[in-house]
Protein backbone atom coordinates (compact mmCIF):
# COMPACT_ATOMS: atom_id res chain seq x y z
CA UNK A 1 25.03 -71.83 -25.25
CA UNK A 2 23.18 -70.26 -28.16
CA UNK A 3 25.13 -68.58 -30.85
CA UNK A 4 24.22 -64.85 -31.35
CA UNK A 5 23.88 -64.24 -35.04
CA UNK A 6 24.74 -60.86 -36.70
CA UNK A 7 20.98 -60.36 -37.40
CA UNK A 8 20.01 -60.82 -33.79
CA UNK A 9 22.65 -58.24 -32.64
CA UNK A 10 21.42 -55.59 -35.20
CA UNK A 11 17.84 -56.16 -34.08
CA UNK A 12 18.81 -55.62 -30.35
CA UNK A 13 20.70 -52.38 -31.15
CA UNK A 14 17.82 -51.02 -33.18
CA UNK A 15 15.39 -51.66 -30.40
CA UNK A 16 17.64 -50.02 -27.85
CA UNK A 17 17.97 -46.91 -30.12
CA UNK A 18 14.22 -46.74 -30.48
CA UNK A 19 13.60 -46.86 -26.76
CA UNK A 20 16.19 -44.16 -26.15
CA UNK A 21 14.73 -41.83 -28.66
CA UNK A 22 11.23 -42.32 -27.23
CA UNK A 23 12.44 -41.37 -23.82
CA UNK A 24 14.15 -38.16 -25.02
CA UNK A 25 11.28 -37.09 -26.96
CA UNK A 26 9.00 -37.01 -23.88
CA UNK A 27 8.91 -33.15 -23.37
CA UNK A 28 6.70 -33.06 -20.29
CA UNK A 29 8.82 -35.63 -18.39
CA UNK A 30 5.84 -38.11 -18.30
CA UNK A 31 6.79 -41.58 -17.21
CA UNK A 32 5.04 -44.84 -18.09
CA UNK A 33 1.67 -44.96 -16.38
CA UNK A 34 1.12 -41.22 -16.89
CA UNK A 35 3.26 -39.94 -13.80
CA UNK A 36 5.56 -36.97 -14.04
CA UNK A 37 8.96 -36.24 -12.65
CA UNK A 38 11.76 -33.83 -13.06
CA UNK A 39 15.37 -33.17 -11.99
CA UNK A 40 15.83 -30.75 -9.02
CA UNK A 41 16.30 -27.36 -10.33
CA UNK A 42 15.07 -28.05 -13.78
CA UNK A 43 11.36 -27.43 -13.28
CA UNK A 44 10.53 -24.65 -15.84
CA UNK A 45 6.78 -25.41 -15.94
CA UNK A 46 3.89 -23.35 -14.58
CA UNK A 47 5.70 -22.00 -11.49
CA UNK A 48 6.63 -18.34 -11.91
CA UNK A 49 9.94 -17.58 -10.07
CA UNK A 50 8.81 -13.87 -9.65
CA UNK A 51 5.55 -15.06 -8.11
CA UNK A 52 7.26 -17.31 -5.68
CA UNK A 53 9.61 -14.38 -4.70
CA UNK A 54 6.65 -12.11 -4.06
CA UNK A 55 4.94 -14.81 -1.97
CA UNK A 56 8.02 -15.08 0.24
CA UNK A 57 8.57 -11.27 0.57
CA UNK A 58 8.57 -9.92 4.16
CA UNK A 59 5.31 -8.08 3.54
CA UNK A 60 2.72 -8.51 0.86
CA UNK A 61 2.46 -5.10 -0.86
CA UNK A 62 1.54 -3.32 -4.09
CA UNK A 63 2.69 -0.38 -6.16
CA UNK A 64 0.83 2.02 -3.96
CA UNK A 65 2.84 0.90 -1.00
CA UNK A 66 6.06 1.44 -2.83
CA UNK A 67 5.10 4.84 -3.97
CA UNK A 68 4.02 5.79 -0.44
CA UNK A 69 7.36 4.84 1.04
CA UNK A 70 9.35 6.34 -1.98
CA UNK A 71 7.69 9.73 -1.68
CA UNK A 72 7.23 9.90 2.11
CA UNK A 73 10.96 9.27 2.85
CA UNK A 74 12.24 12.46 1.15
CA UNK A 75 9.16 14.27 2.46
CA UNK A 76 10.11 13.28 6.04
CA UNK A 77 13.81 14.05 5.35
CA UNK A 78 12.90 17.69 4.39
CA UNK A 79 10.75 17.99 7.52
CA UNK A 80 13.72 16.73 9.70
CA UNK A 81 15.92 19.38 7.88
CA UNK A 82 13.42 22.04 8.72
CA UNK A 83 13.09 20.89 12.30
CA UNK A 84 16.92 20.99 12.67
CA UNK A 85 17.02 24.56 11.41
CA UNK A 86 14.28 25.56 13.90
CA UNK A 87 16.19 24.01 16.90
CA UNK A 88 19.12 26.15 15.92
CA UNK A 89 17.39 29.41 14.91
CA UNK A 90 13.81 29.59 16.41
CA UNK A 91 13.23 32.01 19.11
CA UNK A 92 9.80 30.77 20.04
CA UNK A 93 9.60 27.95 22.62
CA UNK A 94 6.61 26.30 21.05
CA UNK A 95 8.36 26.25 17.68
CA UNK A 96 11.30 24.49 19.14
CA UNK A 97 9.01 22.00 20.93
CA UNK A 98 7.28 21.23 17.66
CA UNK A 99 10.65 20.84 15.95
CA UNK A 100 11.77 18.34 18.61
CA UNK A 101 8.64 16.27 18.29
CA UNK A 102 8.87 16.13 14.50
CA UNK A 103 12.49 14.93 14.54
CA UNK A 104 11.60 12.37 17.23
CA UNK A 105 8.74 10.91 15.21
CA UNK A 106 9.97 11.16 11.66
CA UNK A 107 13.58 9.93 11.86
CA UNK A 108 12.53 6.44 13.02
CA UNK A 109 9.72 6.36 10.41
CA UNK A 110 12.35 7.13 7.70
CA UNK A 111 14.39 4.08 8.80
CA UNK A 112 11.31 1.95 8.84
CA UNK A 113 10.22 2.92 5.35
CA UNK A 114 13.80 2.50 4.12
CA UNK A 115 13.73 -1.06 5.42
CA UNK A 116 10.50 -1.85 3.48
CA UNK A 117 11.98 -0.61 0.24
CA UNK A 118 15.09 -2.76 0.75
CA UNK A 119 13.01 -5.84 1.56
CA UNK A 120 10.91 -5.15 -1.60
CA UNK A 121 14.01 -4.75 -3.84
CA UNK A 122 13.35 -1.12 -4.46
CA UNK A 123 15.76 1.82 -4.36
CA UNK A 124 15.80 3.98 -1.24
CA UNK A 125 15.68 7.78 -1.90
CA UNK A 126 18.81 9.57 -0.99
CA UNK A 127 18.88 12.68 1.16
CA UNK A 128 18.25 15.85 -0.69
CA UNK A 129 15.91 14.25 -3.27
CA UNK A 130 13.01 16.14 -1.71
CA UNK A 131 14.03 19.54 -3.15
CA UNK A 132 13.30 18.18 -6.70
CA UNK A 133 9.96 16.60 -5.81
CA UNK A 134 7.00 18.59 -7.10
CA UNK A 135 3.84 19.12 -5.00
CA UNK A 136 3.07 17.14 -1.85
CA UNK A 137 3.61 20.11 0.37
CA UNK A 138 7.37 19.97 -0.47
CA UNK A 139 9.38 23.20 -0.18
CA UNK A 140 11.38 24.30 -3.10
CA UNK A 141 15.13 24.99 -2.95
CA UNK A 142 14.34 28.72 -3.10
CA UNK A 143 11.97 28.48 -0.18
CA UNK A 144 14.43 26.47 1.86
CA UNK A 145 17.08 29.02 1.15
CA UNK A 146 14.86 31.81 2.24
CA UNK A 147 13.98 29.97 5.43
CA UNK A 148 17.69 29.59 6.11
CA UNK A 149 18.28 33.27 5.67
CA UNK A 150 15.37 34.40 7.91
CA UNK A 151 16.04 35.05 11.62
CA UNK A 152 14.15 35.99 14.75
CA UNK A 153 10.42 36.30 14.83
CA UNK A 154 10.35 36.35 10.96
CA UNK A 155 11.95 32.88 10.99
CA UNK A 156 9.46 31.47 13.51
CA UNK A 157 6.49 32.64 11.43
CA UNK A 158 8.01 31.50 8.12
CA UNK A 159 8.79 28.10 9.60
CA UNK A 160 5.29 27.52 10.98
CA UNK A 161 3.68 28.58 7.70
CA UNK A 162 5.81 26.27 5.71
CA UNK A 163 5.43 23.40 8.13
CA UNK A 164 1.68 23.67 7.96
CA UNK A 165 1.80 23.31 4.22
CA UNK A 166 4.44 20.50 4.52
CA UNK A 167 2.19 18.50 6.98
CA UNK A 168 -0.88 18.99 4.81
CA UNK A 169 0.94 17.37 1.95
CA UNK A 170 1.93 14.46 4.22
CA UNK A 171 -1.70 13.98 5.40
CA UNK A 172 -2.89 13.80 1.81
CA UNK A 173 -0.26 11.24 0.94
CA UNK A 174 -1.09 9.23 4.07
CA UNK A 175 -4.88 9.22 3.10
CA UNK A 176 -4.03 7.90 -0.41
CA UNK A 177 -2.00 5.02 1.05
CA UNK A 178 -4.85 4.02 3.29
CA UNK A 179 -7.25 3.72 0.47
CA UNK A 180 -4.92 2.27 -2.20
CA UNK A 181 -2.10 0.45 -0.24
CA UNK A 182 -2.01 -3.34 0.53
CA UNK A 183 0.73 -3.76 3.03
CA UNK A 184 -0.90 -3.70 6.63
CA UNK A 185 2.19 -2.16 8.35
CA UNK A 186 2.39 0.58 5.72
CA UNK A 187 -1.31 1.42 6.03
CA UNK A 188 -0.96 1.49 9.83
CA UNK A 189 1.94 3.90 9.54
CA UNK A 190 0.02 6.06 7.12
CA UNK A 191 -2.88 6.29 9.62
CA UNK A 192 -0.38 7.23 12.39
CA UNK A 193 1.10 9.88 10.08
CA UNK A 194 -2.32 11.42 9.33
CA UNK A 195 -3.40 11.45 13.01
CA UNK A 196 -0.18 12.86 14.37
CA UNK A 197 0.39 15.45 11.73
CA UNK A 198 -3.22 16.57 11.64
CA UNK A 199 -2.90 17.37 15.34
CA UNK A 200 0.29 19.29 14.77
CA UNK A 201 -1.38 21.33 11.97
CA UNK A 202 -4.01 22.31 14.42
CA UNK A 203 -1.40 23.35 16.98
CA UNK A 204 0.63 25.37 14.42
CA UNK A 205 -2.57 27.06 13.05
CA UNK A 206 -3.33 28.34 16.59
CA UNK A 207 0.37 29.23 17.11
CA UNK A 208 0.37 31.22 13.86
CA UNK A 209 -2.34 33.54 15.22
CA UNK A 210 -0.20 34.25 18.29
CA UNK A 211 3.14 34.94 16.42
CA UNK A 212 4.03 38.62 15.82
């Protein structure tokens, strides 16, 4: 057996240290031969986590889709509030019929749009937010209070006038979504809202000429 000298041992240790430092200094994880590998969960290279999350979202969307849902939910909530008032206070049968149709259509749409925002990681508007939203055909708190105090034929006429304005705001928002949105389901709902509420506007405009 060959006798290992002190010089030989030192040389071996030096070579081992050099190889270790060379391996640690390889920042891009390249292996001999030019291949690359990494430990699971430690890949911090070109892949962007936020991009990956977006790609796996339930529905591909953009800021216009988020804005549409965020603004339309409180808009619908106020319409449902107005419809509920009409079912309690209206004296005209057509007004009650319109109120029933509005609640039946818009309650499920509120739930649908709320689901989108949750899937997109966005906050869902809370009931009552609509009173503080400017424009878009929304009624102010003062207008809602006045409607609540009205009765009889005066209530019917005020309700129809307000709901026409309210629907016109929704139609404008729906048109914006159709031209600026990206999510196919949101665009489809926007078209449905435009078509449905445009028809109700025509009905209410005709009804308005018949009310005392």
